[in-house]
Amino acid sequence: MIYTKKQFGTELLAELEQGYDPVRIAKWCYVKYLDERNREDGLGEVMYEIYGMDAGPEFFIPEAELKSIAVRCQE
């Protein structure tokens, strides 16, 4: 079964509802990246950008932008 952008977007919004913590979200995303090897085209690149946030504050994606990414994935 393919892990879809829509599924990822829904799960990302759920993570954001728990609070904006870039490092926690990055770690969550990295686990999803490793677990969901069979994913929809283009999703790996989106996940890579998000899980890279744990490399330092200069890589943090603002909360509003993360929400926007999640919504776009759901479309």
N, C-alpha and C. Protein backbone atom coordinates (compact mmCIF):
# COMPACT_ATOMS: atom_id res chain seq x y z
N MET A 1 0.84 -1.18 0.00
CA MET A 1 0.00 0.00 0.00
C MET A 1 0.89 1.25 0.00
N ILE A 2 0.51 2.22 -0.77
CA ILE A 2 1.29 3.44 -0.91
C ILE A 2 0.88 4.45 0.16
N TYR A 3 1.88 5.03 0.80
CA TYR A 3 1.67 6.11 1.77
C TYR A 3 1.49 7.39 0.96
N THR A 4 0.34 8.03 1.12
CA THR A 4 -0.02 9.16 0.26
C THR A 4 0.30 10.51 0.90
N LYS A 5 0.36 11.52 0.05
CA LYS A 5 0.53 12.89 0.52
C LYS A 5 -0.63 13.28 1.42
N LYS A 6 -1.82 12.84 1.06
CA LYS A 6 -3.00 13.17 1.85
C LYS A 6 -2.87 12.61 3.27
N GLN A 7 -2.43 11.36 3.40
CA GLN A 7 -2.22 10.77 4.72
C GLN A 7 -1.18 11.57 5.50
N PHE A 8 -0.09 11.90 4.84
CA PHE A 8 0.97 12.65 5.49
C PHE A 8 0.47 14.01 5.96
N GLY A 9 -0.26 14.70 5.11
CA GLY A 9 -0.79 16.01 5.47
C GLY A 9 -1.69 15.95 6.69
N THR A 10 -2.55 14.95 6.74
CA THR A 10 -3.44 14.77 7.88
C THR A 10 -2.64 14.51 9.15
N GLU A 11 -1.63 13.66 9.06
CA GLU A 11 -0.81 13.34 10.22
C GLU A 11 0.04 14.53 10.66
N LEU A 12 0.52 15.31 9.70
CA LEU A 12 1.31 16.50 10.04
C LEU A 12 0.44 17.52 10.78
N LEU A 13 -0.78 17.71 10.32
CA LEU A 13 -1.69 18.63 11.03
C LEU A 13 -1.94 18.14 12.46
N ALA A 14 -2.09 16.84 12.64
CA ALA A 14 -2.29 16.28 13.97
C ALA A 14 -1.07 16.54 14.86
N GLU A 15 0.11 16.42 14.29
CA GLU A 15 1.33 16.73 15.05
C GLU A 15 1.38 18.19 15.44
N LEU A 16 0.98 19.06 14.53
CA LEU A 16 0.98 20.50 14.82
C LEU A 16 -0.04 20.86 15.89
N GLU A 17 -1.13 20.11 15.97
CA GLU A 17 -2.14 20.35 17.00
C GLU A 17 -1.58 20.08 18.39
N GLN A 18 -0.54 19.26 18.48
CA GLN A 18 0.10 18.97 19.77
C GLN A 18 1.04 20.10 20.19
N GLY A 19 1.24 21.05 19.30
CA GLY A 19 2.10 22.19 19.58
C GLY A 19 3.23 22.27 18.58
N TYR A 20 3.69 23.49 18.35
CA TYR A 20 4.77 23.71 17.40
C TYR A 20 6.11 23.50 18.10
N ASP A 21 6.73 22.39 17.79
CA ASP A 21 8.05 22.05 18.32
C ASP A 21 8.83 21.49 17.12
N PRO A 22 9.62 22.33 16.45
CA PRO A 22 10.29 21.91 15.22
C PRO A 22 11.13 20.65 15.36
N VAL A 23 11.81 20.48 16.48
CA VAL A 23 12.66 19.30 16.66
C VAL A 23 11.80 18.05 16.81
N ARG A 24 10.72 18.13 17.59
CA ARG A 24 9.83 16.98 17.75
C ARG A 24 9.20 16.61 16.41
N ILE A 25 8.74 17.60 15.68
CA ILE A 25 8.11 17.34 14.38
C ILE A 25 9.13 16.76 13.41
N ALA A 26 10.34 17.26 13.43
CA ALA A 26 11.39 16.73 12.54
C ALA A 26 11.66 15.26 12.86
N LYS A 27 11.75 14.93 14.14
CA LYS A 27 12.00 13.53 14.53
C LYS A 27 10.84 12.63 14.13
N TRP A 28 9.61 13.13 14.33
CA TRP A 28 8.42 12.37 13.92
C TRP A 28 8.48 12.11 12.41
N CYS A 29 8.80 13.16 11.66
CA CYS A 29 8.84 13.05 10.21
C CYS A 29 9.93 12.08 9.75
N TYR A 30 11.07 12.09 10.42
CA TYR A 30 12.15 11.18 10.05
C TYR A 30 11.74 9.72 10.25
N VAL A 31 11.05 9.45 11.34
CA VAL A 31 10.56 8.09 11.58
C VAL A 31 9.57 7.69 10.49
N LYS A 32 8.67 8.60 10.13
CA LYS A 32 7.72 8.32 9.04
C LYS A 32 8.45 8.08 7.73
N TYR A 33 9.49 8.86 7.49
CA TYR A 33 10.28 8.72 6.27
C TYR A 33 10.90 7.32 6.19
N LEU A 34 11.42 6.85 7.30
CA LEU A 34 12.04 5.52 7.32
C LEU A 34 11.00 4.40 7.25
N ASP A 35 9.86 4.60 7.93
CA ASP A 35 8.82 3.56 7.99
C ASP A 35 8.04 3.43 6.68
N GLU A 36 7.82 4.53 6.02
CA GLU A 36 6.95 4.55 4.83
C GLU A 36 7.79 4.60 3.57
N ARG A 37 8.45 3.50 3.26
CA ARG A 37 9.33 3.43 2.08
C ARG A 37 8.54 3.47 0.76
N ASN A 38 7.34 2.95 0.78
CA ASN A 38 6.51 2.91 -0.42
C ASN A 38 5.56 4.11 -0.37
N ARG A 39 6.04 5.25 -0.88
CA ARG A 39 5.27 6.48 -0.76
C ARG A 39 4.99 7.11 -2.13
N GLU A 40 4.00 7.96 -2.13
CA GLU A 40 3.59 8.67 -3.33
C GLU A 40 4.74 9.53 -3.87
N ASP A 41 4.81 9.64 -5.19
CA ASP A 41 5.86 10.45 -5.82
C ASP A 41 5.85 11.87 -5.26
N GLY A 42 7.04 12.38 -4.97
CA GLY A 42 7.19 13.73 -4.49
C GLY A 42 7.11 13.87 -2.97
N LEU A 43 6.56 12.88 -2.30
CA LEU A 43 6.41 12.97 -0.85
C LEU A 43 7.76 12.89 -0.14
N GLY A 44 8.68 12.12 -0.65
CA GLY A 44 10.00 12.01 -0.03
C GLY A 44 10.70 13.35 0.08
N GLU A 45 10.57 14.18 -0.94
CA GLU A 45 11.20 15.49 -0.94
C GLU A 45 10.58 16.40 0.12
N VAL A 46 9.26 16.33 0.27
CA VAL A 46 8.56 17.13 1.28
C VAL A 46 9.02 16.68 2.67
N MET A 47 9.08 15.39 2.87
CA MET A 47 9.49 14.84 4.16
C MET A 47 10.94 15.22 4.47
N TYR A 48 11.79 15.16 3.47
CA TYR A 48 13.21 15.50 3.66
C TYR A 48 13.36 16.92 4.16
N GLU A 49 12.61 17.83 3.59
CA GLU A 49 12.68 19.24 4.00
C GLU A 49 12.25 19.39 5.47
N ILE A 50 11.21 18.66 5.86
CA ILE A 50 10.70 18.79 7.23
C ILE A 50 11.61 18.10 8.23
N TYR A 51 12.07 16.90 7.93
CA TYR A 51 12.89 16.23 8.93
C TYR A 51 14.28 16.85 9.05
N GLY A 52 14.64 17.70 8.12
CA GLY A 52 15.91 18.42 8.21
C GLY A 52 15.90 19.54 9.24
N MET A 53 14.73 19.84 9.80
CA MET A 53 14.64 20.93 10.77
C MET A 53 15.46 20.66 12.03
N ASP A 54 15.72 19.40 12.33
CA ASP A 54 16.46 19.12 13.57
C ASP A 54 17.96 19.41 13.43
N ALA A 55 18.38 19.88 12.27
CA ALA A 55 19.79 20.22 12.05
C ALA A 55 20.16 21.55 12.69
N GLY A 56 19.18 22.33 13.10
CA GLY A 56 19.46 23.60 13.76
C GLY A 56 18.39 24.62 13.49
N PRO A 57 18.36 25.67 14.30
CA PRO A 57 17.31 26.70 14.18
C PRO A 57 17.25 27.35 12.80
N GLU A 58 18.38 27.40 12.12
CA GLU A 58 18.36 28.03 10.79
C GLU A 58 17.56 27.21 9.78
N PHE A 59 17.23 25.96 10.13
CA PHE A 59 16.46 25.10 9.23
C PHE A 59 15.00 24.97 9.65
N PHE A 60 14.62 25.62 10.75
CA PHE A 60 13.24 25.55 11.21
C PHE A 60 12.31 26.14 10.16
N ILE A 61 11.21 25.47 9.95
CA ILE A 61 10.15 25.95 9.06
C ILE A 61 9.09 26.56 9.98
N PRO A 62 8.67 27.80 9.72
CA PRO A 62 7.66 28.43 10.58
C PRO A 62 6.37 27.60 10.64
N GLU A 63 5.69 27.70 11.75
CA GLU A 63 4.46 26.92 11.96
C GLU A 63 3.45 27.15 10.84
N ALA A 64 3.26 28.39 10.44
CA ALA A 64 2.28 28.69 9.39
C ALA A 64 2.65 28.00 8.08
N GLU A 65 3.94 27.94 7.78
CA GLU A 65 4.38 27.28 6.55
C GLU A 65 4.18 25.78 6.64
N LEU A 66 4.43 25.19 7.82
CA LEU A 66 4.19 23.76 7.99
C LEU A 66 2.70 23.43 7.80
N LYS A 67 1.84 24.29 8.34
CA LYS A 67 0.41 24.09 8.15
C LYS A 67 0.03 24.19 6.69
N SER A 68 0.64 25.12 5.99
CA SER A 68 0.38 25.28 4.57
C SER A 68 0.83 24.04 3.78
N ILE A 69 1.98 23.50 4.14
CA ILE A 69 2.47 22.28 3.50
C ILE A 69 1.47 21.15 3.74
N ALA A 70 1.01 21.01 4.98
CA ALA A 70 0.06 19.95 5.31
C ALA A 70 -1.22 20.07 4.51
N VAL A 71 -1.74 21.28 4.40
CA VAL A 71 -2.97 21.50 3.66
C VAL A 71 -2.78 21.20 2.18
N ARG A 72 -1.66 21.64 1.61
CA ARG A 72 -1.37 21.35 0.19
C ARG A 72 -1.27 19.85 -0.04
N CYS A 73 -0.70 19.13 0.90
CA CYS A 73 -0.58 17.68 0.75
C CYS A 73 -1.95 17.01 0.75
N GLN A 74 -2.88 17.58 1.45
CA GLN A 74 -4.21 17.00 1.54
C GLN A 74 -5.06 17.22 0.30
N GLU A 75 -4.65 18.15 -0.56
CA GLU A 75 -5.45 18.46 -1.75
C GLU A 75 -5.29 17.42 -2.82
